[in-house]
Amino acid sequence: MTNEDNSDKEIDINDFDWSPYVASFADEYTGMGFTQSEEELKRQKRARGRRRRRKAGIEWIVIIAIALGVSALARVFIFQTYYIPSASMEPTLLIGDRIIVDKLSVSLGTVNTGDIIVFKAPAAVATQCGDSVSDLVKRVVGVPGDRVSSKGDTILINGVPLKENWPHNEPLGARVIEKQKVPADSYFVIGDNHPNSCDSRYWGYVPRENVIGKVFVRIWPFSRLHWF
């Protein structure tokens, strides 16, 4: 005889359907079940996309800020570009040329005869040349201790003709170089366009503290790119 009372029937745990309880547990403790709607998946995908774009945007802002900071520091302490506004340095530098000046070569190095330098214009430039320009570019022909003079169209340094191994225009011009000794921490400069340059012959020496840097490359126009 068989007992048909269900309360006494043995239940196999492996045959029991746990899914309603598991789904309920997931909903209660994690906030989502095991199944998600297509719309929910799209929403999460869009959210992840926004986070990635926001992160990329922040990274680009940081990169640009660093680049601008480095550029500003380089301009202040290392390199600076200049535009040539006059013909005083022809044929080496023409009107409209753009040059880059190396500042470290002066602050950490020396200024030598033949160097092309950019410097703050001494006060006498305004009165002697009638020019209110703030910065000038010229070539160094006399360094501290040199005795500078001229004879005809020849520049003499310590009584010896200066070998101008660079392009320049003759004649020297109406303004001769009176015999003089370049003082300490000063330079005697002249434009390569000798007859058309208002320089140390007119307004005197360039103090070292006025020197901004040495011209080391002409970058414009590209057809005349040149390293000095």
C-alpha atoms as a PDB file:
ATOM      1  CA  MET A   1       0.000   0.000   0.000  1.00  0.00           C
ATOM      2  CA  THR A   2       1.239   3.496  -0.814  1.00  0.00           C
ATOM      3  CA  ASN A   3       0.949   6.673   1.290  1.00  0.00           C
ATOM      4  CA  GLU A   4      -0.482   9.475  -0.821  1.00  0.00           C
ATOM      5  CA  ASP A   5       0.011  12.261   1.834  1.00  0.00           C
ATOM      6  CA  ASN A   6       2.131  14.985   0.061  1.00  0.00           C
ATOM      7  CA  SER A   7       3.530  16.207   3.358  1.00  0.00           C
ATOM      8  CA  ASP A   8       5.490  13.037   3.693  1.00  0.00           C
ATOM      9  CA  LYS A   9       6.831  13.103   0.114  1.00  0.00           C
ATOM     10  CA  GLU A  10      10.612  13.423  -0.183  1.00  0.00           C
ATOM     11  CA  ILE A  11      11.857  16.391  -2.327  1.00  0.00           C
ATOM     12  CA  ASP A  12      15.088  16.264  -4.356  1.00  0.00           C
ATOM     13  CA  ILE A  13      16.872  19.685  -3.881  1.00  0.00           C
ATOM     14  CA  ASN A  14      18.394  19.407  -7.351  1.00  0.00           C
ATOM     15  CA  ASP A  15      14.923  19.381  -8.862  1.00  0.00           C
ATOM     16  CA  PHE A  16      13.786  22.509  -6.978  1.00  0.00           C
ATOM     17  CA  ASP A  17      13.323  25.732  -8.992  1.00  0.00           C
ATOM     18  CA  TRP A  18      15.390  28.411  -7.196  1.00  0.00           C
ATOM     19  CA  SER A  19      15.188  31.086  -9.928  1.00  0.00           C
ATOM     20  CA  PRO A  20      12.345  33.189  -8.420  1.00  0.00           C
ATOM     21  CA  TYR A  21      14.245  33.439  -5.131  1.00  0.00           C
ATOM     22  CA  VAL A  22      17.598  34.253  -6.760  1.00  0.00           C
ATOM     23  CA  ALA A  23      16.012  36.973  -8.924  1.00  0.00           C
ATOM     24  CA  SER A  24      14.278  38.418  -5.886  1.00  0.00           C
ATOM     25  CA  PHE A  25      17.583  38.438  -3.949  1.00  0.00           C
ATOM     26  CA  ALA A  26      19.394  40.207  -6.809  1.00  0.00           C
ATOM     27  CA  ASP A  27      16.681  42.845  -7.071  1.00  0.00           C
ATOM     28  CA  GLU A  28      16.745  43.488  -3.341  1.00  0.00           C
ATOM     29  CA  TYR A  29      20.514  43.602  -2.705  1.00  0.00           C
ATOM     30  CA  THR A  30      22.059  44.785  -5.992  1.00  0.00           C
ATOM     31  CA  GLY A  31      19.314  46.899  -7.475  1.00  0.00           C
ATOM     32  CA  MET A  32      19.046  44.883 -10.669  1.00  0.00           C
ATOM     33  CA  GLY A  33      18.076  41.427 -11.724  1.00  0.00           C
ATOM     34  CA  PHE A  34      19.930  39.105 -13.997  1.00  0.00           C
ATOM     35  CA  THR A  35      18.065  40.421 -17.004  1.00  0.00           C
ATOM     36  CA  GLN A  36      18.291  44.007 -18.331  1.00  0.00           C
ATOM     37  CA  SER A  37      16.222  45.702 -20.971  1.00  0.00           C
ATOM     38  CA  GLU A  38      17.787  46.846 -24.233  1.00  0.00           C
ATOM     39  CA  GLU A  39      17.049  50.441 -23.265  1.00  0.00           C
ATOM     40  CA  GLU A  40      18.942  50.041 -19.988  1.00  0.00           C
ATOM     41  CA  LEU A  41      21.955  48.627 -21.823  1.00  0.00           C
ATOM     42  CA  LYS A  42      21.920  51.560 -24.242  1.00  0.00           C
ATOM     43  CA  ARG A  43      21.712  54.007 -21.341  1.00  0.00           C
ATOM     44  CA  GLN A  44      24.719  52.452 -19.637  1.00  0.00           C
ATOM     45  CA  LYS A  45      26.654  52.466 -22.908  1.00  0.00           C
ATOM     46  CA  ARG A  46      25.906  56.165 -23.380  1.00  0.00           C
ATOM     47  CA  ALA A  47      26.985  56.873 -19.816  1.00  0.00           C
ATOM     48  CA  ARG A  48      30.291  55.059 -20.342  1.00  0.00           C
ATOM     49  CA  GLY A  49      30.803  57.018 -23.581  1.00  0.00           C
ATOM     50  CA  ARG A  50      30.231  60.314 -21.754  1.00  0.00           C
ATOM     51  CA  ARG A  51      32.720  59.350 -19.062  1.00  0.00           C
ATOM     52  CA  ARG A  52      35.367  58.451 -21.674  1.00  0.00           C
ATOM     53  CA  ARG A  53      34.823  61.737 -23.541  1.00  0.00           C
ATOM     54  CA  ARG A  54      34.982  63.720 -20.324  1.00  0.00           C
ATOM     55  CA  LYS A  55      38.235  61.992 -19.334  1.00  0.00           C
ATOM     56  CA  ALA A  56      39.736  62.590 -22.781  1.00  0.00           C
ATOM     57  CA  GLY A  57      38.695  66.250 -22.628  1.00  0.00           C
ATOM     58  CA  ILE A  58      40.370  66.730 -19.259  1.00  0.00           C
ATOM     59  CA  GLU A  59      43.533  65.057 -20.525  1.00  0.00           C
ATOM     60  CA  TRP A  60      43.657  67.370 -23.552  1.00  0.00           C
ATOM     61  CA  ILE A  61      43.130  70.443 -21.369  1.00  0.00           C
ATOM     62  CA  VAL A  62      46.045  69.361 -19.174  1.00  0.00           C
ATOM     63  CA  ILE A  63      48.266  68.681 -22.210  1.00  0.00           C
ATOM     64  CA  ILE A  64      47.461  72.080 -23.766  1.00  0.00           C
ATOM     65  CA  ALA A  65      48.047  73.871 -20.451  1.00  0.00           C
ATOM     66  CA  ILE A  66      51.437  72.203 -20.052  1.00  0.00           C
ATOM     67  CA  ALA A  67      52.385  73.039 -23.661  1.00  0.00           C
ATOM     68  CA  LEU A  68      51.427  76.694 -23.170  1.00  0.00           C
ATOM     69  CA  GLY A  69      53.360  76.824 -19.919  1.00  0.00           C
ATOM     70  CA  VAL A  70      56.479  75.330 -21.492  1.00  0.00           C
ATOM     71  CA  SER A  71      56.153  77.715 -24.446  1.00  0.00           C
ATOM     72  CA  ALA A  72      55.875  80.715 -22.132  1.00  0.00           C
ATOM     73  CA  LEU A  73      58.898  79.635 -20.104  1.00  0.00           C
ATOM     74  CA  ALA A  74      60.902  79.030 -23.280  1.00  0.00           C
ATOM     75  CA  ARG A  75      60.000  82.499 -24.545  1.00  0.00           C
ATOM     76  CA  VAL A  76      61.067  84.136 -21.292  1.00  0.00           C
ATOM     77  CA  PHE A  77      64.266  82.195 -20.643  1.00  0.00           C
ATOM     78  CA  ILE A  78      65.420  80.406 -23.810  1.00  0.00           C
ATOM     79  CA  PHE A  79      64.147  81.479 -27.253  1.00  0.00           C
ATOM     80  CA  GLN A  80      62.281  84.407 -28.746  1.00  0.00           C
ATOM     81  CA  THR A  81      61.263  85.315 -32.288  1.00  0.00           C
ATOM     82  CA  TYR A  82      61.741  88.748 -33.867  1.00  0.00           C
ATOM     83  CA  TYR A  83      60.647  90.532 -37.014  1.00  0.00           C
ATOM     84  CA  ILE A  84      63.141  92.624 -38.998  1.00  0.00           C
ATOM     85  CA  PRO A  85      61.600  96.082 -39.658  1.00  0.00           C
ATOM     86  CA  SER A  86      64.515  97.939 -41.299  1.00  0.00           C
ATOM     87  CA  ALA A  87      67.321  97.604 -43.855  1.00  0.00           C
ATOM     88  CA  SER A  88      70.214  98.225 -41.453  1.00  0.00           C
ATOM     89  CA  MET A  89      71.320  94.566 -41.490  1.00  0.00           C
ATOM     90  CA  GLU A  90      71.088  93.994 -45.238  1.00  0.00           C
ATOM     91  CA  PRO A  91      72.144  91.856 -47.024  1.00  0.00           C
ATOM     92  CA  THR A  92      72.221  89.429 -44.064  1.00  0.00           C
ATOM     93  CA  LEU A  93      68.732  90.217 -42.792  1.00  0.00           C
ATOM     94  CA  LEU A  94      66.074  91.758 -45.017  1.00  0.00           C
ATOM     95  CA  ILE A  95      62.930  93.647 -44.119  1.00  0.00           C
ATOM     96  CA  GLY A  96      60.258  91.104 -43.220  1.00  0.00           C
ATOM     97  CA  ASP A  97      62.665  88.352 -42.188  1.00  0.00           C
ATOM     98  CA  ARG A  98      61.888  86.488 -38.986  1.00  0.00           C
ATOM     99  CA  ILE A  99      64.653  85.308 -36.688  1.00  0.00           C
ATOM    100  CA  ILE A 100      64.978  83.299 -33.489  1.00  0.00           C
ATOM    101  CA  VAL A 101      67.182  84.545 -30.682  1.00  0.00           C
ATOM    102  CA  ASP A 102      68.953  82.254 -28.222  1.00  0.00           C
ATOM    103  CA  LYS A 103      68.908  83.886 -24.784  1.00  0.00           C
ATOM    104  CA  LEU A 104      70.898  81.218 -22.945  1.00  0.00           C
ATOM    105  CA  SER A 105      73.908  81.787 -25.213  1.00  0.00           C
ATOM    106  CA  VAL A 106      74.315  85.177 -23.542  1.00  0.00           C
ATOM    107  CA  SER A 107      73.164  84.506 -19.983  1.00  0.00           C
ATOM    108  CA  LEU A 108      75.280  81.328 -19.770  1.00  0.00           C
ATOM    109  CA  GLY A 109      77.906  82.098 -22.419  1.00  0.00           C
ATOM    110  CA  THR A 110      79.906  84.888 -24.011  1.00  0.00           C
ATOM    111  CA  VAL A 111      79.405  87.453 -26.756  1.00  0.00           C
ATOM    112  CA  ASN A 112      82.073  87.360 -29.454  1.00  0.00           C
ATOM    113  CA  THR A 113      83.143  89.494 -32.381  1.00  0.00           C
ATOM    114  CA  GLY A 114      80.948  88.686 -35.374  1.00  0.00           C
ATOM    115  CA  ASP A 115      77.903  87.637 -33.337  1.00  0.00           C
ATOM    116  CA  ILE A 116      74.544  89.081 -34.359  1.00  0.00           C
ATOM    117  CA  ILE A 117      72.712  90.197 -31.229  1.00  0.00           C
ATOM    118  CA  VAL A 118      69.314  91.576 -30.323  1.00  0.00           C
ATOM    119  CA  PHE A 119      69.366  94.123 -27.512  1.00  0.00           C
ATOM    120  CA  LYS A 120      67.334  96.749 -25.723  1.00  0.00           C
ATOM    121  CA  ALA A 121      67.966 100.052 -27.445  1.00  0.00           C
ATOM    122  CA  PRO A 122      70.029 102.494 -25.339  1.00  0.00           C
ATOM    123  CA  ALA A 123      68.277 105.785 -24.557  1.00  0.00           C
ATOM    124  CA  ALA A 124      70.512 107.694 -26.995  1.00  0.00           C
ATOM    125  CA  VAL A 125      69.035 105.795 -29.970  1.00  0.00           C
ATOM    126  CA  ALA A 126      65.864 107.912 -29.824  1.00  0.00           C
ATOM    127  CA  THR A 127      67.781 111.197 -30.012  1.00  0.00           C
ATOM    128  CA  GLN A 128      70.648 110.206 -32.332  1.00  0.00           C
ATOM    129  CA  CYS A 129      68.631 108.086 -34.768  1.00  0.00           C
ATOM    130  CA  GLY A 130      65.162 109.586 -34.376  1.00  0.00           C
ATOM    131  CA  ASP A 131      63.868 106.081 -33.745  1.00  0.00           C
ATOM    132  CA  SER A 132      61.698 105.075 -30.787  1.00  0.00           C
ATOM    133  CA  VAL A 133      62.148 101.336 -31.401  1.00  0.00           C
ATOM    134  CA  SER A 134      62.616  99.314 -28.209  1.00  0.00           C
ATOM    135  CA  ASP A 135      64.781  96.467 -29.580  1.00  0.00           C
ATOM    136  CA  LEU A 136      67.573  96.516 -32.151  1.00  0.00           C
ATOM    137  CA  VAL A 137      69.600  93.919 -34.038  1.00  0.00           C
ATOM    138  CA  LYS A 138      73.247  94.567 -34.984  1.00  0.00           C
ATOM    139  CA  ARG A 139      76.557  92.768 -35.387  1.00  0.00           C
ATOM    140  CA  VAL A 140      79.256  92.892 -32.706  1.00  0.00           C
ATOM    141  CA  VAL A 141      82.599  94.242 -33.951  1.00  0.00           C
ATOM    142  CA  GLY A 142      84.158  95.230 -30.637  1.00  0.00           C
ATOM    143  CA  VAL A 143      84.161  93.419 -27.270  1.00  0.00           C
ATOM    144  CA  PRO A 144      85.350  94.692 -23.868  1.00  0.00           C
ATOM    145  CA  GLY A 145      88.980  95.863 -24.017  1.00  0.00           C
ATOM    146  CA  ASP A 146      89.114  96.156 -27.830  1.00  0.00           C
ATOM    147  CA  ARG A 147      90.457  99.373 -29.358  1.00  0.00           C
ATOM    148  CA  VAL A 148      88.112 100.195 -32.206  1.00  0.00           C
ATOM    149  CA  SER A 149      88.659 102.649 -35.068  1.00  0.00           C
ATOM    150  CA  SER A 150      88.319 102.901 -38.836  1.00  0.00           C
ATOM    151  CA  LYS A 151      90.436 103.967 -41.799  1.00  0.00           C
ATOM    152  CA  GLY A 152      88.562 104.610 -45.008  1.00  0.00           C
ATOM    153  CA  ASP A 153      86.099 101.738 -45.351  1.00  0.00           C
ATOM    154  CA  THR A 154      88.126  99.429 -43.123  1.00  0.00           C
ATOM    155  CA  ILE A 155      87.220  98.720 -39.499  1.00  0.00           C
ATOM    156  CA  LEU A 156      90.288  98.341 -37.289  1.00  0.00           C
ATOM    157  CA  ILE A 157      90.328  96.264 -34.114  1.00  0.00           C
ATOM    158  CA  ASN A 158      93.434  96.829 -32.014  1.00  0.00           C
ATOM    159  CA  GLY A 159      95.036  98.346 -35.102  1.00  0.00           C
ATOM    160  CA  VAL A 160      94.376  95.285 -37.295  1.00  0.00           C
ATOM    161  CA  PRO A 161      91.785  95.251 -40.141  1.00  0.00           C
ATOM    162  CA  LEU A 162      88.675  93.363 -39.106  1.00  0.00           C
ATOM    163  CA  LYS A 163      88.049  90.315 -41.286  1.00  0.00           C
ATOM    164  CA  GLU A 164      84.374  90.677 -42.053  1.00  0.00           C
ATOM    165  CA  ASN A 165      83.728  87.107 -43.139  1.00  0.00           C
ATOM    166  CA  TRP A 166      80.031  87.790 -43.572  1.00  0.00           C
ATOM    167  CA  PRO A 167      77.926  89.587 -46.188  1.00  0.00           C
ATOM    168  CA  HIS A 168      77.959  93.375 -45.752  1.00  0.00           C
ATOM    169  CA  ASN A 169      77.504  96.536 -47.750  1.00  0.00           C
ATOM    170  CA  GLU A 170      80.259  99.095 -48.315  1.00  0.00           C
ATOM    171  CA  PRO A 171      81.271 101.887 -48.044  1.00  0.00           C
ATOM    172  CA  LEU A 172      81.513 102.383 -44.329  1.00  0.00           C
ATOM    173  CA  GLY A 173      79.694 105.654 -44.727  1.00  0.00           C
ATOM    174  CA  ALA A 174      80.148 109.259 -43.695  1.00  0.00           C
ATOM    175  CA  ARG A 175      80.367 108.456 -39.981  1.00  0.00           C
ATOM    176  CA  VAL A 176      83.842 107.134 -39.219  1.00  0.00           C
ATOM    177  CA  ILE A 177      84.736 105.194 -36.079  1.00  0.00           C
ATOM    178  CA  GLU A 178      86.733 107.413 -33.782  1.00  0.00           C
ATOM    179  CA  LYS A 179      89.564 105.732 -31.875  1.00  0.00           C
ATOM    180  CA  GLN A 180      88.133 104.386 -28.658  1.00  0.00           C
ATOM    181  CA  LYS A 181      88.428 101.533 -26.191  1.00  0.00           C
ATOM    182  CA  VAL A 182      85.376  99.416 -25.532  1.00  0.00           C
ATOM    183  CA  PRO A 183      84.658  99.537 -21.776  1.00  0.00           C
ATOM    184  CA  ALA A 184      84.004  96.542 -19.567  1.00  0.00           C
ATOM    185  CA  ASP A 185      80.647  94.789 -19.964  1.00  0.00           C
ATOM    186  CA  SER A 186      79.927  96.693 -23.187  1.00  0.00           C
ATOM    187  CA  TYR A 187      79.955  96.049 -26.947  1.00  0.00           C
ATOM    188  CA  PHE A 188      80.524  98.099 -30.079  1.00  0.00           C
ATOM    189  CA  VAL A 189      77.994  97.107 -32.739  1.00  0.00           C
ATOM    190  CA  ILE A 190      77.368  98.037 -36.359  1.00  0.00           C
ATOM    191  CA  GLY A 191      74.807  97.101 -38.999  1.00  0.00           C
ATOM    192  CA  ASP A 192      75.919  94.974 -41.957  1.00  0.00           C
ATOM    193  CA  ASN A 193      74.487  97.684 -44.193  1.00  0.00           C
ATOM    194  CA  HIS A 194      77.326 100.005 -43.164  1.00  0.00           C
ATOM    195  CA  PRO A 195      76.229 103.196 -44.981  1.00  0.00           C
ATOM    196  CA  ASN A 196      72.610 102.844 -43.864  1.00  0.00           C
ATOM    197  CA  SER A 197      72.832 101.873 -40.210  1.00  0.00           C
ATOM    198  CA  CYS A 198      72.486 103.987 -37.081  1.00  0.00           C
ATOM    199  CA  ASP A 199      74.669 102.104 -34.631  1.00  0.00           C
ATOM    200  CA  SER A 200      77.469 102.450 -32.086  1.00  0.00           C
ATOM    201  CA  ARG A 201      79.131 105.047 -34.310  1.00  0.00           C
ATOM    202  CA  TYR A 202      76.243 107.360 -33.422  1.00  0.00           C
ATOM    203  CA  TRP A 203      75.008 106.437 -29.976  1.00  0.00           C
ATOM    204  CA  GLY A 204      77.818 104.507 -28.300  1.00  0.00           C
ATOM    205  CA  TYR A 205      78.070 101.097 -26.673  1.00  0.00           C
ATOM    206  CA  VAL A 206      75.571  98.382 -25.838  1.00  0.00           C
ATOM    207  CA  PRO A 207      75.719  97.446 -22.133  1.00  0.00           C
ATOM    208  CA  ARG A 208      75.796  93.682 -21.593  1.00  0.00           C
ATOM    209  CA  GLU A 209      72.701  93.951 -19.424  1.00  0.00           C
ATOM    210  CA  ASN A 210      70.819  95.205 -22.504  1.00  0.00           C
ATOM    211  CA  VAL A 211      71.669  92.156 -24.605  1.00  0.00           C
ATOM    212  CA  ILE A 212      68.667  89.861 -25.047  1.00  0.00           C
ATOM    213  CA  GLY A 213      70.345  87.090 -27.007  1.00  0.00           C
ATOM    214  CA  LYS A 214      72.184  85.943 -30.119  1.00  0.00           C
ATOM    215  CA  VAL A 215      70.492  85.424 -33.462  1.00  0.00           C
ATOM    216  CA  PHE A 216      71.054  81.780 -34.403  1.00  0.00           C
ATOM    217  CA  VAL A 217      68.561  81.066 -37.190  1.00  0.00           C
ATOM    218  CA  ARG A 218      66.492  82.891 -39.795  1.00  0.00           C
ATOM    219  CA  ILE A 219      63.207  80.988 -40.097  1.00  0.00           C
ATOM    220  CA  TRP A 220      61.313  83.157 -42.576  1.00  0.00           C
ATOM    221  CA  PRO A 221      61.012  83.176 -45.468  1.00  0.00           C
ATOM    222  CA  PHE A 222      61.562  79.424 -45.788  1.00  0.00           C
ATOM    223  CA  SER A 223      63.453  79.966 -49.024  1.00  0.00           C
ATOM    224  CA  ARG A 224      66.106  81.842 -47.032  1.00  0.00           C
ATOM    225  CA  LEU A 225      66.251  79.557 -43.998  1.00  0.00           C
ATOM    226  CA  HIS A 226      69.732  79.977 -42.545  1.00  0.00           C
ATOM    227  CA  TRP A 227      71.685  79.056 -39.415  1.00  0.00           C
ATOM    228  CA  PHE A 228      74.166  81.612 -38.072  1.00  0.00           C
END
